C-alpha atoms as a PDB file:
ATOM      1  CA  MET A   1     -56.426  88.882  86.845  1.00  0.00           C
ATOM      2  CA  ARG A   2     -53.744  90.714  85.165  1.00  0.00           C
ATOM      3  CA  THR A   3     -51.533  88.123  83.991  1.00  0.00           C
ATOM      4  CA  THR A   4     -55.253  86.770  81.467  1.00  0.00           C
ATOM      5  CA  LEU A   5     -55.706  90.621  79.546  1.00  0.00           C
ATOM      6  CA  ALA A   6     -51.745  90.011  79.397  1.00  0.00           C
ATOM      7  CA  LEU A   7     -52.144  87.553  77.734  1.00  0.00           C
ATOM      8  CA  LEU A   8     -55.023  88.048  75.294  1.00  0.00           C
ATOM      9  CA  SER A   9     -53.718  90.990  74.715  1.00  0.00           C
ATOM     10  CA  LEU A  10     -51.039  90.093  73.757  1.00  0.00           C
ATOM     11  CA  VAL A  11     -52.889  87.370  71.117  1.00  0.00           C
ATOM     12  CA  PHE A  12     -55.131  90.204  69.507  1.00  0.00           C
ATOM     13  CA  ALA A  13     -51.792  91.719  68.627  1.00  0.00           C
ATOM     14  CA  CYS A  14     -50.561  88.755  66.686  1.00  0.00           C
ATOM     15  CA  GLY A  15     -51.454  89.645  63.535  1.00  0.00           C
ATOM     16  CA  PRO A  16     -54.915  90.681  61.441  1.00  0.00           C
ATOM     17  CA  ALA A  17     -57.922  91.219  61.928  1.00  0.00           C
ATOM     18  CA  ARG A  18     -59.084  89.019  59.597  1.00  0.00           C
ATOM     19  CA  ALA A  19     -57.143  86.019  61.542  1.00  0.00           C
ATOM     20  CA  LEU A  20     -58.894  86.245  64.834  1.00  0.00           C
ATOM     21  CA  TYR A  21     -60.766  83.653  66.481  1.00  0.00           C
ATOM     22  CA  TRP A  22     -62.152  83.207  69.198  1.00  0.00           C
ATOM     23  CA  ASP A  23     -63.664  79.113  70.189  1.00  0.00           C
ATOM     24  CA  ALA A  24     -65.805  78.075  73.070  1.00  0.00           C
ATOM     25  CA  GLY A  25     -67.514  74.477  73.456  1.00  0.00           C
ATOM     26  CA  THR A  26     -68.478  71.875  76.142  1.00  0.00           C
ATOM     27  CA  GLN A  27     -68.440  67.547  76.625  1.00  0.00           C
ATOM     28  CA  THR A  28     -70.428  65.634  78.520  1.00  0.00           C
ATOM     29  CA  SER A  29     -70.769  61.744  78.566  1.00  0.00           C
ATOM     30  CA  PHE A  30     -71.786  59.033  80.824  1.00  0.00           C
ATOM     31  CA  GLY A  31     -71.375  54.827  80.878  1.00  0.00           C
ATOM     32  CA  ALA A  32     -70.896  52.036  83.034  1.00  0.00           C
ATOM     33  CA  ASN A  33     -70.108  52.245  87.350  1.00  0.00           C
ATOM     34  CA  ALA A  34     -72.888  55.939  87.105  1.00  0.00           C
ATOM     35  CA  TYR A  35     -69.559  57.326  85.410  1.00  0.00           C
ATOM     36  CA  SER A  36     -70.702  60.999  84.042  1.00  0.00           C
ATOM     37  CA  SER A  37     -68.423  63.742  82.634  1.00  0.00           C
ATOM     38  CA  ALA A  38     -68.639  67.384  81.417  1.00  0.00           C
ATOM     39  CA  SER A  39     -66.092  69.883  80.407  1.00  0.00           C
ATOM     40  CA  GLY A  40     -65.397  73.375  78.658  1.00  0.00           C
ATOM     41  CA  PHE A  41     -63.149  75.369  77.083  1.00  0.00           C
ATOM     42  CA  VAL A  42     -62.476  78.936  75.283  1.00  0.00           C
ATOM     43  CA  GLU A  43     -59.657  79.179  73.088  1.00  0.00           C
ATOM     44  CA  VAL A  44     -58.915  83.139  71.852  1.00  0.00           C
ATOM     45  CA  GLY A  45     -56.060  83.363  69.262  1.00  0.00           C
ATOM     46  CA  ALA A  46     -54.789  83.613  65.939  1.00  0.00           C
ATOM     47  CA  ASP A  47     -54.895  81.547  62.485  1.00  0.00           C
ATOM     48  CA  GLU A  48     -50.558  81.986  62.317  1.00  0.00           C
ATOM     49  CA  GLY A  49     -49.306  83.219  65.740  1.00  0.00           C
ATOM     50  CA  LEU A  50     -50.462  82.973  69.633  1.00  0.00           C
ATOM     51  CA  TYR A  51     -53.362  80.808  70.949  1.00  0.00           C
ATOM     52  CA  VAL A  52     -54.753  80.884  74.659  1.00  0.00           C
ATOM     53  CA  ARG A  53     -56.666  78.162  75.314  1.00  0.00           C
ATOM     54  CA  PRO A  54     -58.038  77.623  79.424  1.00  0.00           C
ATOM     55  CA  SER A  55     -60.341  74.705  79.919  1.00  0.00           C
ATOM     56  CA  VAL A  56     -61.875  72.308  83.029  1.00  0.00           C
ATOM     57  CA  ALA A  57     -63.472  69.210  82.877  1.00  0.00           C
ATOM     58  CA  PHE A  58     -65.419  67.150  86.484  1.00  0.00           C
ATOM     59  CA  TYR A  59     -66.128  63.706  86.231  1.00  0.00           C
ATOM     60  CA  HIS A  60     -67.225  60.901  88.776  1.00  0.00           C
ATOM     61  CA  SER A  61     -67.747  57.346  88.806  1.00  0.00           C
ATOM     62  CA  ASP A  62     -68.857  54.539  91.786  1.00  0.00           C
ATOM     63  CA  PHE A  63     -65.075  54.663  92.542  1.00  0.00           C
ATOM     64  CA  VAL A  64     -64.179  58.025  92.632  1.00  0.00           C
ATOM     65  CA  LYS A  65     -65.865  61.621  94.031  1.00  0.00           C
ATOM     66  CA  ALA A  66     -66.338  64.220  91.863  1.00  0.00           C
ATOM     67  CA  THR A  67     -62.804  65.377  90.886  1.00  0.00           C
ATOM     68  CA  LYS A  68     -62.115  69.073  88.801  1.00  0.00           C
ATOM     69  CA  VAL A  69     -59.693  68.889  86.039  1.00  0.00           C
ATOM     70  CA  TYR A  70     -58.697  72.507  84.623  1.00  0.00           C
ATOM     71  CA  THR A  71     -56.260  73.067  82.418  1.00  0.00           C
ATOM     72  CA  GLY A  72     -54.106  76.052  80.467  1.00  0.00           C
ATOM     73  CA  ARG A  73     -52.198  76.227  77.195  1.00  0.00           C
ATOM     74  CA  VAL A  74     -50.712  78.968  76.249  1.00  0.00           C
ATOM     75  CA  GLY A  75     -49.364  78.588  72.163  1.00  0.00           C
ATOM     76  CA  TRP A  76     -47.519  79.829  68.687  1.00  0.00           C
ATOM     77  CA  ALA A  77     -48.411  78.715  65.087  1.00  0.00           C
ATOM     78  CA  GLY A  78     -46.897  79.454  62.014  1.00  0.00           C
ATOM     79  CA  LYS A  79     -47.393  78.447  58.948  1.00  0.00           C
ATOM     80  CA  ARG A  80     -44.901  75.201  59.326  1.00  0.00           C
ATOM     81  CA  LEU A  81     -43.998  74.934  63.143  1.00  0.00           C
ATOM     82  CA  GLY A  82     -46.075  74.473  65.789  1.00  0.00           C
ATOM     83  CA  LEU A  83     -45.103  75.227  69.718  1.00  0.00           C
ATOM     84  CA  ALA A  84     -47.342  74.701  73.249  1.00  0.00           C
ATOM     85  CA  VAL A  85     -46.932  74.635  76.529  1.00  0.00           C
ATOM     86  CA  GLU A  86     -49.712  73.227  79.288  1.00  0.00           C
ATOM     87  CA  GLY A  87     -50.145  73.322  82.614  1.00  0.00           C
ATOM     88  CA  SER A  88     -52.965  71.337  84.797  1.00  0.00           C
ATOM     89  CA  PHE A  89     -53.661  70.953  88.345  1.00  0.00           C
ATOM     90  CA  THR A  90     -56.316  67.961  90.057  1.00  0.00           C
ATOM     91  CA  PRO A  91     -57.112  69.436  93.336  1.00  0.00           C
ATOM     92  CA  LYS A  92     -57.231  66.887  96.877  1.00  0.00           C
ATOM     93  CA  ALA A  93     -60.431  64.050  96.020  1.00  0.00           C
ATOM     94  CA  ASP A  94     -60.149  61.177  98.620  1.00  0.00           C
ATOM     95  CA  GLY A  95     -57.079  61.810  99.712  1.00  0.00           C
ATOM     96  CA  TYR A  96     -55.182  61.906  95.732  1.00  0.00           C
ATOM     97  CA  GLN A  97     -53.601  65.674  94.076  1.00  0.00           C
ATOM     98  CA  ASN A  98     -51.944  66.402  91.084  1.00  0.00           C
ATOM     99  CA  ALA A  99     -50.251  68.655  88.470  1.00  0.00           C
ATOM    100  CA  ALA A 100     -49.000  68.522  85.307  1.00  0.00           C
ATOM    101  CA  PHE A 101     -46.627  70.371  83.411  1.00  0.00           C
ATOM    102  CA  ALA A 102     -46.087  70.052  79.145  1.00  0.00           C
ATOM    103  CA  ALA A 103     -45.142  71.171  75.539  1.00  0.00           C
ATOM    104  CA  ASP A 104     -44.466  69.772  72.251  1.00  0.00           C
ATOM    105  CA  ALA A 105     -43.935  71.118  69.067  1.00  0.00           C
ATOM    106  CA  THR A 106     -45.469  70.024  65.602  1.00  0.00           C
ATOM    107  CA  TYR A 107     -43.442  70.518  62.501  1.00  0.00           C
ATOM    108  CA  ALA A 108     -45.518  70.285  58.884  1.00  0.00           C
ATOM    109  CA  VAL A 109     -44.290  69.267  56.183  1.00  0.00           C
ATOM    110  CA  ILE A 110     -47.448  69.731  54.221  1.00  0.00           C
ATOM    111  CA  GLY A 111     -50.311  72.243  55.103  1.00  0.00           C
ATOM    112  CA  ALA A 112     -50.822  74.465  58.892  1.00  0.00           C
ATOM    113  CA  PRO A 113     -49.557  72.850  61.980  1.00  0.00           C
ATOM    114  CA  ARG A 114     -53.256  73.012  63.402  1.00  0.00           C
ATOM    115  CA  LYS A 115     -55.515  72.720  60.608  1.00  0.00           C
ATOM    116  CA  PRO A 116     -56.987  69.801  59.502  1.00  0.00           C
ATOM    117  CA  ALA A 117     -57.686  69.711  56.127  1.00  0.00           C
ATOM    118  CA  GLU A 118     -60.861  70.283  54.984  1.00  0.00           C
ATOM    119  CA  GLY A 119     -63.614  69.247  52.214  1.00  0.00           C
ATOM    120  CA  SER A 120     -62.291  65.894  49.774  1.00  0.00           C
ATOM    121  CA  SER A 121     -59.145  65.931  48.047  1.00  0.00           C
ATOM    122  CA  GLY A 122     -56.754  63.091  45.334  1.00  0.00           C
ATOM    123  CA  GLY A 123     -53.725  63.300  47.072  1.00  0.00           C
ATOM    124  CA  LEU A 124     -52.035  64.085  49.884  1.00  0.00           C
ATOM    125  CA  ALA A 125     -52.970  67.529  51.487  1.00  0.00           C
ATOM    126  CA  ARG A 126     -51.129  67.962  54.983  1.00  0.00           C
ATOM    127  CA  LEU A 127     -48.421  65.334  56.189  1.00  0.00           C
ATOM    128  CA  LEU A 128     -47.138  66.724  59.908  1.00  0.00           C
ATOM    129  CA  PHE A 129     -45.064  65.293  62.792  1.00  0.00           C
ATOM    130  CA  GLY A 130     -44.708  66.181  66.740  1.00  0.00           C
ATOM    131  CA  LEU A 131     -43.094  65.621  69.874  1.00  0.00           C
ATOM    132  CA  GLY A 132     -44.087  66.634  73.333  1.00  0.00           C
ATOM    133  CA  LEU A 133     -43.200  66.090  76.715  1.00  0.00           C
ATOM    134  CA  ARG A 134     -45.288  65.484  79.719  1.00  0.00           C
ATOM    135  CA  GLN A 135     -44.539  65.837  83.986  1.00  0.00           C
ATOM    136  CA  ILE A 136     -46.980  64.771  86.628  1.00  0.00           C
ATOM    137  CA  ASN A 137     -45.900  64.694  90.021  1.00  0.00           C
ATOM    138  CA  HIS A 138     -48.653  62.312  91.540  1.00  0.00           C
ATOM    139  CA  GLN A 139     -49.699  62.875  95.483  1.00  0.00           C
ATOM    140  CA  GLU A 140     -52.003  60.413  97.941  1.00  0.00           C
ATOM    141  CA  SER A 141     -52.592  60.168 101.575  1.00  0.00           C
ATOM    142  CA  LEU A 142     -51.663  56.911 103.522  1.00  0.00           C
ATOM    143  CA  ALA A 143     -54.762  56.521 104.366  1.00  0.00           C
ATOM    144  CA  GLU A 144     -56.574  56.331 101.217  1.00  0.00           C
ATOM    145  CA  LEU A 145     -54.063  53.949  99.685  1.00  0.00           C
ATOM    146  CA  GLN A 146     -54.434  51.283 102.632  1.00  0.00           C
ATOM    147  CA  GLN A 147     -57.744  51.394 102.409  1.00  0.00           C
ATOM    148  CA  ARG A 148     -56.908  49.287  98.979  1.00  0.00           C
ATOM    149  CA  ASN A 149     -53.786  48.326  99.504  1.00  0.00           C
ATOM    150  CA  PRO A 150     -52.391  47.808 103.556  1.00  0.00           C
ATOM    151  CA  ALA A 151     -49.728  47.082 103.984  1.00  0.00           C
ATOM    152  CA  ALA A 152     -48.549  50.751 102.296  1.00  0.00           C
ATOM    153  CA  ASP A 153     -46.251  51.841 104.721  1.00  0.00           C
ATOM    154  CA  ARG A 154     -45.776  55.405 102.911  1.00  0.00           C
ATOM    155  CA  PRO A 155     -47.801  58.418 100.934  1.00  0.00           C
ATOM    156  CA  LEU A 156     -47.174  58.366  97.137  1.00  0.00           C
ATOM    157  CA  SER A 157     -45.087  60.822  95.849  1.00  0.00           C
ATOM    158  CA  ALA A 158     -44.245  60.218  92.561  1.00  0.00           C
ATOM    159  CA  GLY A 159     -43.345  61.512  89.340  1.00  0.00           C
ATOM    160  CA  GLN A 160     -44.129  60.789  85.828  1.00  0.00           C
ATOM    161  CA  SER A 161     -42.864  61.175  82.413  1.00  0.00           C
ATOM    162  CA  ASP A 162     -44.297  61.187  79.230  1.00  0.00           C
ATOM    163  CA  LEU A 163     -43.354  60.981  76.281  1.00  0.00           C
ATOM    164  CA  THR A 164     -44.858  61.321  72.910  1.00  0.00           C
ATOM    165  CA  ALA A 165     -44.251  60.681  69.128  1.00  0.00           C
ATOM    166  CA  PHE A 166     -47.802  61.800  67.070  1.00  0.00           C
ATOM    167  CA  ALA A 167     -47.841  62.780  63.162  1.00  0.00           C
ATOM    168  CA  ALA A 168     -50.906  63.357  60.683  1.00  0.00           C
ATOM    169  CA  ALA A 169     -51.701  62.877  56.883  1.00  0.00           C
ATOM    170  CA  SER A 170     -54.576  63.639  54.708  1.00  0.00           C
ATOM    171  CA  LEU A 171     -54.714  61.920  51.988  1.00  0.00           C
ATOM    172  CA  LEU A 172     -57.760  61.230  49.705  1.00  0.00           C
ATOM    173  CA  GLY A 173     -60.407  62.345  51.281  1.00  0.00           C
ATOM    174  CA  LEU A 174     -59.304  60.658  55.067  1.00  0.00           C
ATOM    175  CA  ASN A 175     -57.662  62.045  58.107  1.00  0.00           C
ATOM    176  CA  LEU A 176     -55.420  59.934  60.572  1.00  0.00           C
ATOM    177  CA  ASP A 177     -53.922  61.027  63.785  1.00  0.00           C
ATOM    178  CA  ALA A 178     -51.950  58.563  64.730  1.00  0.00           C
ATOM    179  CA  SER A 179     -49.614  58.374  68.129  1.00  0.00           C
ATOM    180  CA  ILE A 180     -47.565  56.596  70.976  1.00  0.00           C
ATOM    181  CA  SER A 181     -46.698  57.717  73.768  1.00  0.00           C
ATOM    182  CA  GLN A 182     -44.245  56.277  76.772  1.00  0.00           C
ATOM    183  CA  SER A 183     -44.283  57.224  80.762  1.00  0.00           C
ATOM    184  CA  PHE A 184     -41.609  56.401  82.826  1.00  0.00           C
ATOM    185  CA  TYR A 185     -42.080  56.896  86.980  1.00  0.00           C
ATOM    186  CA  THR A 186     -39.032  57.727  89.497  1.00  0.00           C
ATOM    187  CA  ARG A 187     -40.603  55.200  92.171  1.00  0.00           C
ATOM    188  CA  SER A 188     -42.241  51.794  92.652  1.00  0.00           C
ATOM    189  CA  LEU A 189     -46.132  51.771  92.112  1.00  0.00           C
ATOM    190  CA  PRO A 190     -48.264  50.515  94.773  1.00  0.00           C
ATOM    191  CA  ARG A 191     -49.809  47.488  93.664  1.00  0.00           C
ATOM    192  CA  LEU A 192     -53.554  47.889  92.464  1.00  0.00           C
ATOM    193  CA  LEU A 193     -57.247  46.954  93.464  1.00  0.00           C
ATOM    194  CA  ARG A 194     -60.462  48.567  92.013  1.00  0.00           C
ATOM    195  CA  PRO A 195     -61.448  47.803  88.332  1.00  0.00           C
ATOM    196  CA  ILE A 196     -59.772  50.263  85.044  1.00  0.00           C
ATOM    197  CA  GLU A 197     -61.965  53.051  84.101  1.00  0.00           C
ATOM    198  CA  PRO A 198     -61.783  54.193  80.175  1.00  0.00           C
ATOM    199  CA  SER A 199     -57.810  55.965  79.617  1.00  0.00           C
ATOM    200  CA  ALA A 200     -59.179  58.689  78.370  1.00  0.00           C
ATOM    201  CA  VAL A 201     -60.933  60.021  81.519  1.00  0.00           C
ATOM    202  CA  PRO A 202     -58.544  64.029  82.502  1.00  0.00           C
ATOM    203  CA  GLY A 203     -57.092  63.464  85.700  1.00  0.00           C
ATOM    204  CA  ALA A 204     -57.835  60.228  87.074  1.00  0.00           C
ATOM    205  CA  ASN A 205     -56.134  58.921  90.193  1.00  0.00           C
ATOM    206  CA  PRO A 206     -53.900  56.044  88.495  1.00  0.00           C
ATOM    207  CA  THR A 207     -53.250  54.160  92.415  1.00  0.00           C
ATOM    208  CA  ALA A 208     -56.521  53.384  91.276  1.00  0.00           C
ATOM    209  CA  PHE A 209     -57.233  53.051  87.989  1.00  0.00           C
ATOM    210  CA  GLY A 210     -53.690  52.097  86.674  1.00  0.00           C
ATOM    211  CA  PHE A 211     -50.587  53.980  86.172  1.00  0.00           C
ATOM    212  CA  PRO A 212     -50.133  53.896  82.065  1.00  0.00           C
ATOM    213  CA  ASP A 213     -46.698  52.011  80.705  1.00  0.00           C
ATOM    214  CA  THR A 214     -47.109  52.215  76.636  1.00  0.00           C
ATOM    215  CA  SER A 215     -50.745  53.954  75.123  1.00  0.00           C
ATOM    216  CA  ALA A 216     -51.508  54.545  71.153  1.00  0.00           C
ATOM    217  CA  GLN A 217     -53.947  56.149  69.966  1.00  0.00           C
ATOM    218  CA  ALA A 218     -55.794  56.376  66.053  1.00  0.00           C
ATOM    219  CA  ARG A 219     -58.564  58.432  64.850  1.00  0.00           C
ATOM    220  CA  LEU A 220     -59.720  58.142  61.344  1.00  0.00           C
ATOM    221  CA  THR A 221     -61.725  60.872  59.532  1.00  0.00           C
ATOM    222  CA  PHE A 222     -63.787  60.595  56.907  1.00  0.00           C
ATOM    223  CA  ARG A 223     -63.768  64.145  54.673  1.00  0.00           C
ATOM    224  CA  THR A 224     -65.795  63.281  51.987  1.00  0.00           C
ATOM    225  CA  VAL A 225     -69.209  63.067  53.728  1.00  0.00           C
ATOM    226  CA  PRO A 226     -70.596  66.860  52.948  1.00  0.00           C
ATOM    227  CA  VAL A 227     -72.019  68.855  55.763  1.00  0.00           C
ATOM    228  CA  VAL A 228     -71.238  65.460  58.479  1.00  0.00           C
ATOM    229  CA  LYS A 229     -68.126  63.937  59.188  1.00  0.00           C
ATOM    230  CA  PRO A 230     -67.924  60.302  60.570  1.00  0.00           C
ATOM    231  CA  TYR A 231     -64.983  59.158  62.898  1.00  0.00           C
ATOM    232  CA  ALA A 232     -63.789  56.508  64.428  1.00  0.00           C
ATOM    233  CA  THR A 233     -60.909  55.965  66.961  1.00  0.00           C
ATOM    234  CA  PHE A 234     -59.061  53.221  69.028  1.00  0.00           C
ATOM    235  CA  GLU A 235     -56.670  53.713  71.641  1.00  0.00           C
ATOM    236  CA  TRP A 236     -54.389  50.790  74.031  1.00  0.00           C
ATOM    237  CA  ARG A 237     -53.334  51.002  76.713  1.00  0.00           C
ATOM    238  CA  SER A 238     -51.044  48.864  78.890  1.00  0.00           C
ATOM    239  CA  LEU A 239     -50.225  48.941  82.458  1.00  0.00           C
ATOM    240  CA  LYS A 240     -46.865  48.924  84.395  1.00  0.00           C
ATOM    241  CA  THR A 241     -48.893  46.003  87.515  1.00  0.00           C
ATOM    242  CA  ASP A 242     -50.361  42.995  86.490  1.00  0.00           C
ATOM    243  CA  GLN A 243     -53.359  44.245  85.309  1.00  0.00           C
ATOM    244  CA  PRO A 244     -54.292  43.478  81.341  1.00  0.00           C
ATOM    245  CA  ALA A 245     -53.488  45.836  78.249  1.00  0.00           C
ATOM    246  CA  ALA A 246     -57.641  48.147  78.454  1.00  0.00           C
ATOM    247  CA  ARG A 247     -58.340  48.768  74.669  1.00  0.00           C
ATOM    248  CA  THR A 248     -61.543  50.560  73.802  1.00  0.00           C
ATOM    249  CA  TYR A 249     -63.283  51.399  70.291  1.00  0.00           C
ATOM    250  CA  THR A 250     -64.770  55.375  69.492  1.00  0.00           C
ATOM    251  CA  ALA A 251     -67.316  56.168  66.642  1.00  0.00           C
ATOM    252  CA  GLY A 252     -69.193  58.878  66.273  1.00  0.00           C
ATOM    253  CA  ALA A 253     -70.242  61.730  64.177  1.00  0.00           C
ATOM    254  CA  SER A 254     -69.499  66.158  63.591  1.00  0.00           C
ATOM    255  CA  ALA A 255     -72.266  68.259  61.660  1.00  0.00           C
ATOM    256  CA  LYS A 256     -71.088  71.915  61.081  1.00  0.00           C
ATOM    257  CA  VAL A 257     -73.508  74.005  60.560  1.00  0.00           C
ATOM    258  CA  SER A 258     -72.665  78.034  60.208  1.00  0.00           C
ATOM    259  CA  LEU A 259     -70.517  78.922  63.389  1.00  0.00           C
ATOM    260  CA  LEU A 260     -71.548  76.009  65.621  1.00  0.00           C
ATOM    261  CA  GLU A 261     -70.415  72.102  65.342  1.00  0.00           C
ATOM    262  CA  LEU A 262     -71.726  69.466  66.582  1.00  0.00           C
ATOM    263  CA  SER A 263     -70.988  65.523  67.308  1.00  0.00           C
ATOM    264  CA  ALA A 264     -72.157  62.752  69.636  1.00  0.00           C
ATOM    265  CA  PHE A 265     -70.122  59.382  70.412  1.00  0.00           C
ATOM    266  CA  TYR A 266     -70.339  55.776  71.701  1.00  0.00           C
ATOM    267  CA  SER A 267     -67.467  54.092  73.311  1.00  0.00           C
ATOM    268  CA  LEU A 268     -67.103  50.029  74.072  1.00  0.00           C
ATOM    269  CA  TYR A 269     -64.407  49.879  76.808  1.00  0.00           C
ATOM    270  CA  ASP A 270     -62.304  46.394  77.064  1.00  0.00           C
ATOM    271  CA  PRO A 271     -60.659  46.162  80.467  1.00  0.00           C
ATOM    272  CA  GLY A 272     -59.073  42.983  78.057  1.00  0.00           C
ATOM    273  CA  ARG A 273     -58.745  38.748  80.026  1.00  0.00           C
ATOM    274  CA  GLY A 274     -62.279  38.324  79.281  1.00  0.00           C
ATOM    275  CA  ALA A 275     -63.841  40.872  81.570  1.00  0.00           C
ATOM    276  CA  PRO A 276     -66.673  43.003  80.804  1.00  0.00           C
ATOM    277  CA  LYS A 277     -67.036  45.349  78.167  1.00  0.00           C
ATOM    278  CA  HIS A 278     -68.204  48.252  78.865  1.00  0.00           C
ATOM    279  CA  GLY A 279     -70.486  51.224  76.492  1.00  0.00           C
ATOM    280  CA  PHE A 280     -69.796  54.607  77.081  1.00  0.00           C
ATOM    281  CA  SER A 281     -71.421  57.162  75.487  1.00  0.00           C
ATOM    282  CA  GLY A 282     -71.671  61.498  74.700  1.00  0.00           C
ATOM    283  CA  ALA A 283     -72.219  64.562  72.727  1.00  0.00           C
ATOM    284  CA  SER A 284     -70.165  67.807  72.605  1.00  0.00           C
ATOM    285  CA  ALA A 285     -70.739  71.230  70.988  1.00  0.00           C
ATOM    286  CA  ALA A 286     -68.361  74.246  69.930  1.00  0.00           C
ATOM    287  CA  ILE A 287     -68.861  77.138  68.283  1.00  0.00           C
ATOM    288  CA  ARG A 288     -65.887  79.547  66.459  1.00  0.00           C
ATOM    289  CA  PHE A 289     -66.679  83.452  65.379  1.00  0.00           C
END
């Protein structure tokens, strides 16, 4: 508690009163295989300076018992440079747990590192580039592994390193965000026997749903539409085992009324190789002061 209060005090000391803000939001989604998720966050900080963002996510499906993911992020944003560190923890569920630590840096050539361009523009309103590194430690009991692979002879203890490059641009009333990640592992990985769920699921047990190899994501947001902001995303993920590459297509829209922002989306998940596609839908709400 003292650490949290000290961080918040530091945040509020980092800039003039007019630059301070706090955000809070929640999101829920539902889909195939009795999948459901709910998440929430609070963010406190300054438009230019330090910010703190704790969050929590809950999800479950026919394949995974109820799972929680706790995340904390602390960052700093200047006029051009943004820096952040993040830690997360997934408590044990079905014999599996993980802990992760990440750091990333963003440099804005045009615009600000943490603020998307708003409204219409006839020229280049924002251009930024960044790099991120995430280290994940996976742990799973031998008994759980043997339920999927009877030949398993030892519990899983594997490290995963994700190197990510990302970029964003705002041009002609559009925001485009894109990223690509490559994953590296410290040891060989177990064979998978379960169907794979969407890659966006936080904290999902990769020993059950697929260790990622290369992942890519792109998001296009239309800024020229008044009040409502439509967007579309595309995700692609290849895996370390013999599972096919998976794709997720999402369409959604957000609307901001005064301090409140509401959004809704629909995702179509394609597991590849002619397997049945699955639909997921959700909604979110956020408020900023």
